[in-house]
Amino acid sequence: MTDNQTVQAYTDAWTQSIESISELLAPLPTDSWNRPTECPGWSVRDVVSHIIAVESELLGDPRPIHSLPRDLRHISTEFARYVELPVDKRRCHTPVEITSELEYTVIRRSRALRNARQEPGDLVRWPAGPLSRDLPYAELLRNRAFDVWVHEQDLRRALGEPGNLDSPAALVTRDYLVQGLPKVVAKLAGAPAGSTVVFDVTGAVEFLRTVRVDADGRGSVDGSVGLAPDVQFHLDWETYHRLACGRIHPETAARSVRVDGDTELAARILAHFALTP
């Protein structure tokens, strides 16, 4: 695809996922909004509030003026505090208010994306508090498709409404997470030079990837089948993305992950598998 086609693909993936969230919430009874999700400290209401907050900030809306309570145990970093503030601000809002705000935000954001004049490589601001930085426009759109899909799955698991595991944004998420595998294996897990690690993922999204660590300790990933790898992981797509997004601990996922080869290296890789802050 051309760069402009890639931008459109990311936009379409974001649109499909965020509209699916709106459809999921429409018939939701009031008590379901307080169901816990796999995001520490966050309910269904909080996840939706977070999505609204990020898209609103990308639209240029001012952040709310609000003081966080001191007893939020899941807040341990400045980034977490930054993300939590607009979420906590909306905890007193009713489901009707939240869904109305989401719908209005999606309309505004969709219009802004249609009218955008940025080129794929133009640098734009990624608003993330202490982690804010400039990044290419296409990368920002990819990140939004990834983030919204991951949160869509958070909501679906909390509500017992599975779906969209193979949607366009799911494929964006696959590519995003696979891109981080060399860092996980070579840098974070410290796999020795010459190591090969294979990930055999089945389910709604199937793929096979091999991470190779060169003589200088740098990792690379490709789709070829490694012969006699040092470690080979076998797991389903839902377990893979939940691990990579920090939704479950490796110990919790142990029954869904089969490991062949060096179990010590495999344990180090799984311990550092989460790529999201």
C-alpha atoms as a PDB file:
ATOM      1  CA  MET A   1       0.000   0.000   0.000  1.00  0.00           C
ATOM      2  CA  THR A   2       1.001   3.611  -0.516  1.00  0.00           C
ATOM      3  CA  ASP A   3       1.472   5.819   2.536  1.00  0.00           C
ATOM      4  CA  ASN A   4      -1.894   7.484   1.911  1.00  0.00           C
ATOM      5  CA  GLN A   5      -3.595   4.105   1.593  1.00  0.00           C
ATOM      6  CA  THR A   6      -2.020   3.095   4.905  1.00  0.00           C
ATOM      7  CA  VAL A   7      -3.408   6.231   6.562  1.00  0.00           C
ATOM      8  CA  GLN A   8      -6.865   5.397   5.210  1.00  0.00           C
ATOM      9  CA  ALA A   9      -6.565   1.796   6.407  1.00  0.00           C
ATOM     10  CA  TYR A  10      -5.698   2.962   9.925  1.00  0.00           C
ATOM     11  CA  THR A  11      -8.594   5.423   9.864  1.00  0.00           C
ATOM     12  CA  ASP A  12     -11.017   2.737   8.693  1.00  0.00           C
ATOM     13  CA  ALA A  13      -9.788   0.330  11.379  1.00  0.00           C
ATOM     14  CA  TRP A  14     -10.252   2.971  14.093  1.00  0.00           C
ATOM     15  CA  THR A  15     -13.725   3.805  12.789  1.00  0.00           C
ATOM     16  CA  GLN A  16     -14.893   0.198  12.729  1.00  0.00           C
ATOM     17  CA  SER A  17     -13.672  -0.443  16.260  1.00  0.00           C
ATOM     18  CA  ILE A  18     -14.953   2.725  17.906  1.00  0.00           C
ATOM     19  CA  GLU A  19     -18.349   2.352  16.222  1.00  0.00           C
ATOM     20  CA  SER A  20     -18.459  -1.232  17.495  1.00  0.00           C
ATOM     21  CA  ILE A  21     -17.920   0.122  21.005  1.00  0.00           C
ATOM     22  CA  SER A  22     -20.865   2.486  20.588  1.00  0.00           C
ATOM     23  CA  GLU A  23     -23.059  -0.394  19.425  1.00  0.00           C
ATOM     24  CA  LEU A  24     -21.898  -2.531  22.337  1.00  0.00           C
ATOM     25  CA  LEU A  25     -22.818   0.156  24.876  1.00  0.00           C
ATOM     26  CA  ALA A  26     -26.198   1.135  23.437  1.00  0.00           C
ATOM     27  CA  PRO A  27     -28.273  -1.621  25.106  1.00  0.00           C
ATOM     28  CA  LEU A  28     -26.139  -1.825  28.256  1.00  0.00           C
ATOM     29  CA  PRO A  29     -28.048  -1.853  31.571  1.00  0.00           C
ATOM     30  CA  THR A  30     -26.937   0.657  34.169  1.00  0.00           C
ATOM     31  CA  ASP A  31     -25.354  -1.870  36.544  1.00  0.00           C
ATOM     32  CA  SER A  32     -23.080  -3.245  33.791  1.00  0.00           C
ATOM     33  CA  TRP A  33     -21.232   0.069  33.586  1.00  0.00           C
ATOM     34  CA  ASN A  34     -19.563  -0.689  36.909  1.00  0.00           C
ATOM     35  CA  ARG A  35     -18.217  -4.111  35.929  1.00  0.00           C
ATOM     36  CA  PRO A  36     -14.446  -4.373  36.441  1.00  0.00           C
ATOM     37  CA  THR A  37     -12.157  -4.760  33.434  1.00  0.00           C
ATOM     38  CA  GLU A  38      -8.621  -6.115  33.146  1.00  0.00           C
ATOM     39  CA  CYS A  39      -7.301  -2.547  33.291  1.00  0.00           C
ATOM     40  CA  PRO A  40      -6.301  -2.146  36.976  1.00  0.00           C
ATOM     41  CA  GLY A  41      -8.784   0.010  38.859  1.00  0.00           C
ATOM     42  CA  TRP A  42     -10.982   0.631  35.822  1.00  0.00           C
ATOM     43  CA  SER A  43     -14.602  -0.292  35.247  1.00  0.00           C
ATOM     44  CA  VAL A  44     -16.455  -0.397  31.931  1.00  0.00           C
ATOM     45  CA  ARG A  45     -17.372   3.258  32.535  1.00  0.00           C
ATOM     46  CA  ASP A  46     -13.714   4.162  33.106  1.00  0.00           C
ATOM     47  CA  VAL A  47     -12.485   2.528  29.907  1.00  0.00           C
ATOM     48  CA  VAL A  48     -15.087   4.394  27.861  1.00  0.00           C
ATOM     49  CA  SER A  49     -14.180   7.635  29.652  1.00  0.00           C
ATOM     50  CA  HIS A  50     -10.530   7.080  28.753  1.00  0.00           C
ATOM     51  CA  ILE A  51     -11.351   6.627  25.069  1.00  0.00           C
ATOM     52  CA  ILE A  52     -13.390   9.838  25.101  1.00  0.00           C
ATOM     53  CA  ALA A  53     -10.594  11.708  26.895  1.00  0.00           C
ATOM     54  CA  VAL A  54      -7.863  10.758  24.415  1.00  0.00           C
ATOM     55  CA  GLU A  55      -9.948  11.525  21.331  1.00  0.00           C
ATOM     56  CA  SER A  56     -11.070  14.824  22.872  1.00  0.00           C
ATOM     57  CA  GLU A  57      -7.478  15.826  23.553  1.00  0.00           C
ATOM     58  CA  LEU A  58      -6.537  15.009  19.966  1.00  0.00           C
ATOM     59  CA  LEU A  59      -9.336  17.347  18.916  1.00  0.00           C
ATOM     60  CA  GLY A  60      -7.692  20.116  20.928  1.00  0.00           C
ATOM     61  CA  ASP A  61     -10.204  20.180  23.789  1.00  0.00           C
ATOM     62  CA  PRO A  62      -8.756  21.442  27.083  1.00  0.00           C
ATOM     63  CA  ARG A  63      -8.091  18.894  29.796  1.00  0.00           C
ATOM     64  CA  PRO A  64     -10.520  19.095  32.716  1.00  0.00           C
ATOM     65  CA  ILE A  65      -9.533  20.870  35.902  1.00  0.00           C
ATOM     66  CA  HIS A  66      -9.764  18.227  38.571  1.00  0.00           C
ATOM     67  CA  SER A  67      -7.949  16.929  41.641  1.00  0.00           C
ATOM     68  CA  LEU A  68      -7.407  13.196  41.918  1.00  0.00           C
ATOM     69  CA  PRO A  69      -8.196  11.393  45.177  1.00  0.00           C
ATOM     70  CA  ARG A  70      -5.138  10.259  47.098  1.00  0.00           C
ATOM     71  CA  ASP A  71      -6.345   6.679  47.654  1.00  0.00           C
ATOM     72  CA  LEU A  72      -6.202   5.366  44.066  1.00  0.00           C
ATOM     73  CA  ARG A  73      -3.903   2.364  44.536  1.00  0.00           C
ATOM     74  CA  HIS A  74      -3.518   1.655  40.826  1.00  0.00           C
ATOM     75  CA  ILE A  75      -1.818   5.023  40.245  1.00  0.00           C
ATOM     76  CA  SER A  76       1.943   4.548  40.523  1.00  0.00           C
ATOM     77  CA  THR A  77       3.473   6.776  37.829  1.00  0.00           C
ATOM     78  CA  GLU A  78       3.063  10.297  36.500  1.00  0.00           C
ATOM     79  CA  PHE A  79       1.779   8.895  33.211  1.00  0.00           C
ATOM     80  CA  ALA A  80      -0.877   6.889  35.051  1.00  0.00           C
ATOM     81  CA  ARG A  81      -1.867  10.030  36.936  1.00  0.00           C
ATOM     82  CA  TYR A  82      -2.138  11.964  33.671  1.00  0.00           C
ATOM     83  CA  VAL A  83      -4.375   9.277  32.150  1.00  0.00           C
ATOM     84  CA  GLU A  84      -6.484   8.879  35.281  1.00  0.00           C
ATOM     85  CA  LEU A  85      -7.484  12.527  35.744  1.00  0.00           C
ATOM     86  CA  PRO A  86     -10.102  12.809  32.934  1.00  0.00           C
ATOM     87  CA  VAL A  87     -11.347   9.315  33.810  1.00  0.00           C
ATOM     88  CA  ASP A  88     -11.934  10.182  37.444  1.00  0.00           C
ATOM     89  CA  LYS A  89     -13.599  13.438  36.420  1.00  0.00           C
ATOM     90  CA  ARG A  90     -16.271  11.416  34.582  1.00  0.00           C
ATOM     91  CA  ARG A  91     -16.961   8.897  37.370  1.00  0.00           C
ATOM     92  CA  CYS A  92     -19.993  10.922  38.446  1.00  0.00           C
ATOM     93  CA  HIS A  93     -21.455  10.977  34.934  1.00  0.00           C
ATOM     94  CA  THR A  94     -24.479   8.835  34.097  1.00  0.00           C
ATOM     95  CA  PRO A  95     -24.374   6.170  31.368  1.00  0.00           C
ATOM     96  CA  VAL A  96     -26.557   8.404  29.183  1.00  0.00           C
ATOM     97  CA  GLU A  97     -24.091  11.260  29.599  1.00  0.00           C
ATOM     98  CA  ILE A  98     -21.125   9.005  28.798  1.00  0.00           C
ATOM     99  CA  THR A  99     -22.699   7.461  25.692  1.00  0.00           C
ATOM    100  CA  SER A 100     -23.839  10.864  24.452  1.00  0.00           C
ATOM    101  CA  GLU A 101     -20.358  12.287  24.902  1.00  0.00           C
ATOM    102  CA  LEU A 102     -18.817   9.291  23.142  1.00  0.00           C
ATOM    103  CA  GLU A 103     -21.170   9.628  20.181  1.00  0.00           C
ATOM    104  CA  TYR A 104     -20.514  13.372  19.883  1.00  0.00           C
ATOM    105  CA  THR A 105     -16.748  12.856  20.193  1.00  0.00           C
ATOM    106  CA  VAL A 106     -16.759  10.164  17.491  1.00  0.00           C
ATOM    107  CA  ILE A 107     -18.711  12.456  15.141  1.00  0.00           C
ATOM    108  CA  ARG A 108     -16.255  15.312  15.715  1.00  0.00           C
ATOM    109  CA  ARG A 109     -13.184  13.109  15.438  1.00  0.00           C
ATOM    110  CA  SER A 110     -14.434  11.389  12.272  1.00  0.00           C
ATOM    111  CA  ARG A 111     -15.018  14.798  10.694  1.00  0.00           C
ATOM    112  CA  ALA A 112     -11.542  15.941  11.714  1.00  0.00           C
ATOM    113  CA  LEU A 113      -9.978  12.827  10.180  1.00  0.00           C
ATOM    114  CA  ARG A 114     -11.889  13.313   6.916  1.00  0.00           C
ATOM    115  CA  ASN A 115     -10.785  16.934   6.703  1.00  0.00           C
ATOM    116  CA  ALA A 116      -7.183  16.362   7.812  1.00  0.00           C
ATOM    117  CA  ARG A 117      -4.525  17.839   5.547  1.00  0.00           C
ATOM    118  CA  GLN A 118      -1.500  16.193   7.155  1.00  0.00           C
ATOM    119  CA  GLU A 119       0.754  14.000   5.051  1.00  0.00           C
ATOM    120  CA  PRO A 120       1.567  10.539   6.471  1.00  0.00           C
ATOM    121  CA  GLY A 121       5.068  11.622   7.482  1.00  0.00           C
ATOM    122  CA  ASP A 122       4.158  15.014   8.948  1.00  0.00           C
ATOM    123  CA  LEU A 123       5.068  15.272  12.622  1.00  0.00           C
ATOM    124  CA  VAL A 124       2.137  15.791  14.979  1.00  0.00           C
ATOM    125  CA  ARG A 125       1.904  15.968  18.751  1.00  0.00           C
ATOM    126  CA  TRP A 126       1.025  12.806  20.649  1.00  0.00           C
ATOM    127  CA  PRO A 127      -0.594  14.047  23.908  1.00  0.00           C
ATOM    128  CA  ALA A 128       0.522  11.690  26.667  1.00  0.00           C
ATOM    129  CA  GLY A 129       1.585  13.939  29.521  1.00  0.00           C
ATOM    130  CA  PRO A 130       5.132  13.022  30.592  1.00  0.00           C
ATOM    131  CA  LEU A 131       5.392  10.692  27.571  1.00  0.00           C
ATOM    132  CA  SER A 132       4.219  13.299  25.027  1.00  0.00           C
ATOM    133  CA  ARG A 133       6.273  13.509  21.864  1.00  0.00           C
ATOM    134  CA  ASP A 134       6.087  14.343  18.174  1.00  0.00           C
ATOM    135  CA  LEU A 135       5.508  11.432  15.829  1.00  0.00           C
ATOM    136  CA  PRO A 136       4.470  10.903  12.189  1.00  0.00           C
ATOM    137  CA  TYR A 137       0.775  11.367  11.482  1.00  0.00           C
ATOM    138  CA  ALA A 138       0.431   7.805  10.161  1.00  0.00           C
ATOM    139  CA  GLU A 139       1.954   6.442  13.378  1.00  0.00           C
ATOM    140  CA  LEU A 140      -0.507   8.410  15.492  1.00  0.00           C
ATOM    141  CA  LEU A 141      -3.420   6.919  13.547  1.00  0.00           C
ATOM    142  CA  ARG A 142      -1.958   3.434  13.934  1.00  0.00           C
ATOM    143  CA  ASN A 143      -1.624   3.973  17.680  1.00  0.00           C
ATOM    144  CA  ARG A 144      -5.256   5.079  17.941  1.00  0.00           C
ATOM    145  CA  ALA A 145      -6.523   2.045  15.989  1.00  0.00           C
ATOM    146  CA  PHE A 146      -4.434  -0.177  18.280  1.00  0.00           C
ATOM    147  CA  ASP A 147      -5.519   1.508  21.515  1.00  0.00           C
ATOM    148  CA  VAL A 148      -9.226   1.615  20.685  1.00  0.00           C
ATOM    149  CA  TRP A 149      -9.269  -2.049  19.611  1.00  0.00           C
ATOM    150  CA  VAL A 150      -7.474  -3.167  22.773  1.00  0.00           C
ATOM    151  CA  HIS A 151     -10.002  -1.266  24.878  1.00  0.00           C
ATOM    152  CA  GLU A 152     -12.854  -2.668  22.806  1.00  0.00           C
ATOM    153  CA  GLN A 153     -11.624  -6.124  23.798  1.00  0.00           C
ATOM    154  CA  ASP A 154     -11.345  -5.010  27.448  1.00  0.00           C
ATOM    155  CA  LEU A 155     -15.013  -4.058  27.300  1.00  0.00           C
ATOM    156  CA  ARG A 156     -16.091  -7.224  25.496  1.00  0.00           C
ATOM    157  CA  ARG A 157     -14.389  -9.486  28.036  1.00  0.00           C
ATOM    158  CA  ALA A 158     -15.873  -7.544  30.962  1.00  0.00           C
ATOM    159  CA  LEU A 159     -19.347  -7.740  29.437  1.00  0.00           C
ATOM    160  CA  GLY A 160     -19.135 -11.294  28.126  1.00  0.00           C
ATOM    161  CA  GLU A 161     -19.675 -10.116  24.538  1.00  0.00           C
ATOM    162  CA  PRO A 162     -16.809 -11.542  22.429  1.00  0.00           C
ATOM    163  CA  GLY A 163     -16.284 -10.273  18.904  1.00  0.00           C
ATOM    164  CA  ASN A 164     -14.060  -8.456  16.412  1.00  0.00           C
ATOM    165  CA  LEU A 165     -11.026 -10.579  17.267  1.00  0.00           C
ATOM    166  CA  ASP A 166     -10.154 -10.620  13.556  1.00  0.00           C
ATOM    167  CA  SER A 167     -11.287  -7.091  12.654  1.00  0.00           C
ATOM    168  CA  PRO A 168      -9.107  -4.633  10.679  1.00  0.00           C
ATOM    169  CA  ALA A 169      -7.897  -3.070  13.936  1.00  0.00           C
ATOM    170  CA  ALA A 170      -6.999  -6.538  15.237  1.00  0.00           C
ATOM    171  CA  LEU A 171      -4.583  -6.878  12.312  1.00  0.00           C
ATOM    172  CA  VAL A 172      -3.159  -3.433  13.066  1.00  0.00           C
ATOM    173  CA  THR A 173      -2.671  -4.625  16.647  1.00  0.00           C
ATOM    174  CA  ARG A 174      -0.937  -7.803  15.492  1.00  0.00           C
ATOM    175  CA  ASP A 175       1.581  -5.847  13.428  1.00  0.00           C
ATOM    176  CA  TYR A 176       2.162  -3.352  16.245  1.00  0.00           C
ATOM    177  CA  LEU A 177       2.808  -6.074  18.808  1.00  0.00           C
ATOM    178  CA  VAL A 178       4.973  -8.189  16.502  1.00  0.00           C
ATOM    179  CA  GLN A 179       7.127  -5.125  15.866  1.00  0.00           C
ATOM    180  CA  GLY A 180       7.976  -5.112  19.580  1.00  0.00           C
ATOM    181  CA  LEU A 181       9.070  -8.760  19.753  1.00  0.00           C
ATOM    182  CA  PRO A 182      12.805  -8.126  19.098  1.00  0.00           C
ATOM    183  CA  LYS A 183      12.878  -5.709  22.032  1.00  0.00           C
ATOM    184  CA  VAL A 184      11.127  -8.224  24.282  1.00  0.00           C
ATOM    185  CA  VAL A 185      13.394 -11.134  23.364  1.00  0.00           C
ATOM    186  CA  ALA A 186      16.804  -9.520  22.839  1.00  0.00           C
ATOM    187  CA  LYS A 187      16.762  -6.469  25.109  1.00  0.00           C
ATOM    188  CA  LEU A 188      14.304  -7.078  27.947  1.00  0.00           C
ATOM    189  CA  ALA A 189      14.664 -10.847  28.289  1.00  0.00           C
ATOM    190  CA  GLY A 190      18.375 -10.792  27.422  1.00  0.00           C
ATOM    191  CA  ALA A 191      18.327 -13.733  25.023  1.00  0.00           C
ATOM    192  CA  PRO A 192      21.952 -14.628  24.178  1.00  0.00           C
ATOM    193  CA  ALA A 193      23.531 -13.974  20.785  1.00  0.00           C
ATOM    194  CA  GLY A 194      22.571 -16.610  18.237  1.00  0.00           C
ATOM    195  CA  SER A 195      19.231 -17.381  19.876  1.00  0.00           C
ATOM    196  CA  THR A 196      16.077 -17.999  17.881  1.00  0.00           C
ATOM    197  CA  VAL A 197      12.612 -17.796  19.399  1.00  0.00           C
ATOM    198  CA  VAL A 198       9.459 -18.805  17.532  1.00  0.00           C
ATOM    199  CA  PHE A 199       5.912 -17.597  18.245  1.00  0.00           C
ATOM    200  CA  ASP A 200       3.204 -19.857  16.820  1.00  0.00           C
ATOM    201  CA  VAL A 201      -0.113 -18.071  17.275  1.00  0.00           C
ATOM    202  CA  THR A 202      -3.454 -19.652  16.398  1.00  0.00           C
ATOM    203  CA  GLY A 203      -7.095 -18.608  16.632  1.00  0.00           C
ATOM    204  CA  ALA A 204      -8.930 -15.677  15.056  1.00  0.00           C
ATOM    205  CA  VAL A 205      -5.611 -14.172  13.905  1.00  0.00           C
ATOM    206  CA  GLU A 206      -2.982 -16.763  13.000  1.00  0.00           C
ATOM    207  CA  PHE A 207       0.696 -16.061  12.426  1.00  0.00           C
ATOM    208  CA  LEU A 208       4.155 -17.541  12.843  1.00  0.00           C
ATOM    209  CA  ARG A 209       7.108 -15.279  13.641  1.00  0.00           C
ATOM    210  CA  THR A 210      10.742 -15.977  14.433  1.00  0.00           C
ATOM    211  CA  VAL A 211      12.928 -13.611  16.449  1.00  0.00           C
ATOM    212  CA  ARG A 212      16.653 -13.968  15.805  1.00  0.00           C
ATOM    213  CA  VAL A 213      19.344 -12.441  18.006  1.00  0.00           C
ATOM    214  CA  ASP A 214      22.530 -11.575  16.104  1.00  0.00           C
ATOM    215  CA  ALA A 215      26.132 -11.629  17.307  1.00  0.00           C
ATOM    216  CA  ASP A 216      25.799  -8.085  18.664  1.00  0.00           C
ATOM    217  CA  GLY A 217      22.720  -8.956  20.701  1.00  0.00           C
ATOM    218  CA  ARG A 218      20.269  -7.188  18.383  1.00  0.00           C
ATOM    219  CA  GLY A 219      16.976  -8.844  17.580  1.00  0.00           C
ATOM    220  CA  SER A 220      15.056  -9.004  14.314  1.00  0.00           C
ATOM    221  CA  VAL A 221      11.777 -10.664  13.388  1.00  0.00           C
ATOM    222  CA  ASP A 222      10.620 -12.423  10.231  1.00  0.00           C
ATOM    223  CA  GLY A 223       7.964 -14.846   9.093  1.00  0.00           C
ATOM    224  CA  SER A 224      10.237 -17.778   8.238  1.00  0.00           C
ATOM    225  CA  VAL A 225      10.178 -21.023  10.170  1.00  0.00           C
ATOM    226  CA  GLY A 226      13.204 -21.393  12.420  1.00  0.00           C
ATOM    227  CA  LEU A 227      14.750 -24.845  12.578  1.00  0.00           C
ATOM    228  CA  ALA A 228      15.348 -26.172  16.097  1.00  0.00           C
ATOM    229  CA  PRO A 229      14.637 -22.848  17.840  1.00  0.00           C
ATOM    230  CA  ASP A 230      15.879 -22.290  21.371  1.00  0.00           C
ATOM    231  CA  VAL A 231      12.304 -21.557  22.445  1.00  0.00           C
ATOM    232  CA  GLN A 232       8.987 -22.031  20.717  1.00  0.00           C
ATOM    233  CA  PHE A 233       5.733 -20.607  22.103  1.00  0.00           C
ATOM    234  CA  HIS A 234       2.340 -22.007  21.132  1.00  0.00           C
ATOM    235  CA  LEU A 235      -0.645 -19.862  22.129  1.00  0.00           C
ATOM    236  CA  ASP A 236      -3.901 -18.465  20.830  1.00  0.00           C
ATOM    237  CA  TRP A 237      -4.378 -14.907  19.570  1.00  0.00           C
ATOM    238  CA  GLU A 238      -6.480 -13.718  22.497  1.00  0.00           C
ATOM    239  CA  THR A 239      -3.919 -14.935  25.033  1.00  0.00           C
ATOM    240  CA  TYR A 240      -1.110 -13.380  22.965  1.00  0.00           C
ATOM    241  CA  HIS A 241      -2.583  -9.896  22.851  1.00  0.00           C
ATOM    242  CA  ARG A 242      -3.700 -10.004  26.478  1.00  0.00           C
ATOM    243  CA  LEU A 243      -0.150 -10.878  27.530  1.00  0.00           C
ATOM    244  CA  ALA A 244       1.452  -8.309  25.235  1.00  0.00           C
ATOM    245  CA  CYS A 245      -0.906  -5.579  26.458  1.00  0.00           C
ATOM    246  CA  GLY A 246      -0.376  -6.405  30.128  1.00  0.00           C
ATOM    247  CA  ARG A 247      -3.920  -7.644  30.709  1.00  0.00           C
ATOM    248  CA  ILE A 248      -2.879 -10.924  32.321  1.00  0.00           C
ATOM    249  CA  HIS A 249       0.197 -12.125  34.154  1.00  0.00           C
ATOM    250  CA  PRO A 250       2.260 -14.954  32.645  1.00  0.00           C
ATOM    251  CA  GLU A 251       1.336 -17.189  35.595  1.00  0.00           C
ATOM    252  CA  THR A 252      -2.343 -16.687  34.851  1.00  0.00           C
ATOM    253  CA  ALA A 253      -1.837 -17.500  31.172  1.00  0.00           C
ATOM    254  CA  ALA A 254       0.334 -20.569  31.826  1.00  0.00           C
ATOM    255  CA  ARG A 255      -2.468 -23.021  31.012  1.00  0.00           C
ATOM    256  CA  SER A 256      -2.968 -21.369  27.610  1.00  0.00           C
ATOM    257  CA  VAL A 257       0.725 -21.214  26.626  1.00  0.00           C
ATOM    258  CA  ARG A 258       2.764 -24.247  25.612  1.00  0.00           C
ATOM    259  CA  VAL A 259       6.535 -23.860  25.617  1.00  0.00           C
ATOM    260  CA  ASP A 260       9.101 -26.044  23.864  1.00  0.00           C
ATOM    261  CA  GLY A 261      12.814 -25.622  24.507  1.00  0.00           C
ATOM    262  CA  ASP A 262      14.699 -23.525  27.049  1.00  0.00           C
ATOM    263  CA  THR A 263      12.170 -23.021  29.856  1.00  0.00           C
ATOM    264  CA  GLU A 264      14.365 -20.511  31.722  1.00  0.00           C
ATOM    265  CA  LEU A 265      14.666 -18.229  28.683  1.00  0.00           C
ATOM    266  CA  ALA A 266      10.945 -18.699  27.982  1.00  0.00           C
ATOM    267  CA  ALA A 267      10.105 -17.567  31.517  1.00  0.00           C
ATOM    268  CA  ARG A 268      12.217 -14.415  31.088  1.00  0.00           C
ATOM    269  CA  ILE A 269      10.502 -13.612  27.794  1.00  0.00           C
ATOM    270  CA  LEU A 270       7.031 -14.054  29.271  1.00  0.00           C
ATOM    271  CA  ALA A 271       7.983 -11.933  32.297  1.00  0.00           C
ATOM    272  CA  HIS A 272       8.829  -9.035  29.950  1.00  0.00           C
ATOM    273  CA  PHE A 273       6.127  -9.649  27.350  1.00  0.00           C
ATOM    274  CA  ALA A 274       3.943  -6.621  28.107  1.00  0.00           C
ATOM    275  CA  LEU A 275       4.656  -3.746  25.720  1.00  0.00           C
ATOM    276  CA  THR A 276       2.127  -1.169  26.929  1.00  0.00           C
ATOM    277  CA  PRO A 277       2.806   1.230  29.823  1.00  0.00           C
END
